[in-house]
Amino acid sequence: MTKEEAQVRCDELNKETIIIPIDNIIIQDSFKNTQPSLDKIQEKLEYYKKYNRFDKRIVINKDNVLQDGYINYLICKILNIKTNKVVVE
């Protein structure tokens, strides 16, 4: 991990987080209309299975609209994960 990557990770860990039901997250059409790479989904799924957490948190705004982390959201749905800790920006 580079110094810059470590700083990004530290910044992320210091943001406000809440535990939210995955079904309460609102998905924008811009995410719904994209087809994530199967390789990327597999990579993130393997990371989750190995470390029992995501490589980065799902990010929502104050209205529960997804801002970042669509693939992690999809993995929650695939694995039937009901709640998750998310960053609120």
C-alpha atoms as a PDB file:
ATOM      1  CA  MET A   1       0.000   0.000   0.000  1.00  0.00           C
ATOM      2  CA  THR A   2       1.379   3.384  -0.977  1.00  0.00           C
ATOM      3  CA  LYS A   3       1.390   6.373   1.348  1.00  0.00           C
ATOM      4  CA  GLU A   4      -1.374   7.972  -0.731  1.00  0.00           C
ATOM      5  CA  GLU A   5      -3.523   4.818  -0.556  1.00  0.00           C
ATOM      6  CA  ALA A   6      -2.993   4.658   3.213  1.00  0.00           C
ATOM      7  CA  GLN A   7      -4.096   8.286   3.552  1.00  0.00           C
ATOM      8  CA  VAL A   8      -7.237   7.644   1.497  1.00  0.00           C
ATOM      9  CA  ARG A   9      -8.028   4.629   3.683  1.00  0.00           C
ATOM     10  CA  CYS A  10      -7.464   6.647   6.898  1.00  0.00           C
ATOM     11  CA  ASP A  11      -9.676   9.449   5.613  1.00  0.00           C
ATOM     12  CA  GLU A  12     -12.382   6.935   4.755  1.00  0.00           C
ATOM     13  CA  LEU A  13     -12.235   5.321   8.195  1.00  0.00           C
ATOM     14  CA  ASN A  14     -12.658   8.715   9.865  1.00  0.00           C
ATOM     15  CA  LYS A  15     -15.862   9.640   8.007  1.00  0.00           C
ATOM     16  CA  GLU A  16     -19.285   9.420   9.634  1.00  0.00           C
ATOM     17  CA  THR A  17     -20.712   5.923   9.322  1.00  0.00           C
ATOM     18  CA  ILE A  18     -24.084   4.383  10.071  1.00  0.00           C
ATOM     19  CA  ILE A  19     -25.480   0.890   9.873  1.00  0.00           C
ATOM     20  CA  ILE A  20     -28.324   0.824   7.391  1.00  0.00           C
ATOM     21  CA  PRO A  21     -30.571  -1.841   5.896  1.00  0.00           C
ATOM     22  CA  ILE A  22     -29.301  -2.508   2.385  1.00  0.00           C
ATOM     23  CA  ASP A  23     -32.860  -2.288   1.061  1.00  0.00           C
ATOM     24  CA  ASN A  24     -33.041   1.341   2.263  1.00  0.00           C
ATOM     25  CA  ILE A  25     -30.282   2.388  -0.142  1.00  0.00           C
ATOM     26  CA  ILE A  26     -31.666   4.165  -3.213  1.00  0.00           C
ATOM     27  CA  ILE A  27     -29.899   3.295  -6.455  1.00  0.00           C
ATOM     28  CA  GLN A  28     -29.612   6.034  -9.072  1.00  0.00           C
ATOM     29  CA  ASP A  29     -30.405   5.200 -12.693  1.00  0.00           C
ATOM     30  CA  SER A  30     -26.784   5.958 -13.594  1.00  0.00           C
ATOM     31  CA  PHE A  31     -25.762   2.918 -11.529  1.00  0.00           C
ATOM     32  CA  LYS A  32     -28.707   0.746 -12.593  1.00  0.00           C
ATOM     33  CA  ASN A  33     -27.883   1.360 -16.254  1.00  0.00           C
ATOM     34  CA  THR A  34     -24.259   0.193 -15.963  1.00  0.00           C
ATOM     35  CA  GLN A  35     -23.009  -3.357 -16.259  1.00  0.00           C
ATOM     36  CA  PRO A  36     -20.118  -3.869 -13.818  1.00  0.00           C
ATOM     37  CA  SER A  37     -17.238  -6.011 -14.966  1.00  0.00           C
ATOM     38  CA  LEU A  38     -17.580  -9.635 -13.872  1.00  0.00           C
ATOM     39  CA  ASP A  39     -13.857  -9.634 -13.063  1.00  0.00           C
ATOM     40  CA  LYS A  40     -14.298  -6.671 -10.726  1.00  0.00           C
ATOM     41  CA  ILE A  41     -17.305  -8.281  -9.041  1.00  0.00           C
ATOM     42  CA  GLN A  42     -15.339 -11.514  -8.578  1.00  0.00           C
ATOM     43  CA  GLU A  43     -12.319  -9.627  -7.223  1.00  0.00           C
ATOM     44  CA  LYS A  44     -14.415  -7.748  -4.652  1.00  0.00           C
ATOM     45  CA  LEU A  45     -16.326 -10.898  -3.722  1.00  0.00           C
ATOM     46  CA  GLU A  46     -13.079 -12.792  -3.095  1.00  0.00           C
ATOM     47  CA  TYR A  47     -11.798  -9.897  -0.955  1.00  0.00           C
ATOM     48  CA  TYR A  48     -15.009  -9.961   1.092  1.00  0.00           C
ATOM     49  CA  LYS A  49     -14.825 -13.720   1.591  1.00  0.00           C
ATOM     50  CA  LYS A  50     -11.159 -13.545   2.607  1.00  0.00           C
ATOM     51  CA  TYR A  51     -11.400 -10.578   5.047  1.00  0.00           C
ATOM     52  CA  ASN A  52     -15.126 -10.647   5.934  1.00  0.00           C
ATOM     53  CA  ARG A  53     -15.404  -6.984   4.960  1.00  0.00           C
ATOM     54  CA  PHE A  54     -15.336  -4.847   1.842  1.00  0.00           C
ATOM     55  CA  ASP A  55     -12.212  -3.144   0.524  1.00  0.00           C
ATOM     56  CA  LYS A  56     -14.019   0.180   0.933  1.00  0.00           C
ATOM     57  CA  ARG A  57     -17.317   1.275   2.385  1.00  0.00           C
ATOM     58  CA  ILE A  58     -20.515   1.924   0.482  1.00  0.00           C
ATOM     59  CA  VAL A  59     -21.119   5.690   0.329  1.00  0.00           C
ATOM     60  CA  ILE A  60     -24.566   7.292   0.474  1.00  0.00           C
ATOM     61  CA  ASN A  61     -25.801  10.848   0.823  1.00  0.00           C
ATOM     62  CA  LYS A  62     -28.078  12.103   3.604  1.00  0.00           C
ATOM     63  CA  ASP A  63     -31.114  10.951   1.584  1.00  0.00           C
ATOM     64  CA  ASN A  64     -29.788   7.344   1.376  1.00  0.00           C
ATOM     65  CA  VAL A  65     -28.933   7.706  -2.318  1.00  0.00           C
ATOM     66  CA  LEU A  66     -25.916   5.632  -3.350  1.00  0.00           C
ATOM     67  CA  GLN A  67     -22.889   7.750  -4.254  1.00  0.00           C
ATOM     68  CA  ASP A  68     -20.168   5.084  -4.470  1.00  0.00           C
ATOM     69  CA  GLY A  69     -19.795   1.354  -3.918  1.00  0.00           C
ATOM     70  CA  TYR A  70     -22.340  -0.074  -6.335  1.00  0.00           C
ATOM     71  CA  ILE A  71     -20.494  -3.374  -6.696  1.00  0.00           C
ATOM     72  CA  ASN A  72     -20.285  -3.780  -2.927  1.00  0.00           C
ATOM     73  CA  TYR A  73     -24.019  -3.050  -2.789  1.00  0.00           C
ATOM     74  CA  LEU A  74     -24.617  -5.769  -5.405  1.00  0.00           C
ATOM     75  CA  ILE A  75     -22.505  -8.218  -3.398  1.00  0.00           C
ATOM     76  CA  CYS A  76     -24.641  -7.472  -0.330  1.00  0.00           C
ATOM     77  CA  LYS A  77     -27.693  -8.371  -2.392  1.00  0.00           C
ATOM     78  CA  ILE A  78     -26.036 -11.536  -3.786  1.00  0.00           C
ATOM     79  CA  LEU A  79     -24.948 -12.722  -0.324  1.00  0.00           C
ATOM     80  CA  ASN A  80     -28.254 -11.700   1.268  1.00  0.00           C
ATOM     81  CA  ILE A  81     -26.502  -9.278   3.638  1.00  0.00           C
ATOM     82  CA  LYS A  82     -29.352  -7.341   5.258  1.00  0.00           C
ATOM     83  CA  THR A  83     -27.438  -4.437   6.856  1.00  0.00           C
ATOM     84  CA  ASN A  84     -24.061  -2.827   6.349  1.00  0.00           C
ATOM     85  CA  LYS A  85     -22.003   0.027   7.711  1.00  0.00           C
ATOM     86  CA  VAL A  86     -21.944   2.853   5.172  1.00  0.00           C
ATOM     87  CA  VAL A  87     -20.347   6.285   4.922  1.00  0.00           C
ATOM     88  CA  VAL A  88     -22.712   9.254   4.848  1.00  0.00           C
ATOM     89  CA  GLU A  89     -21.430  12.238   2.878  1.00  0.00           C
END
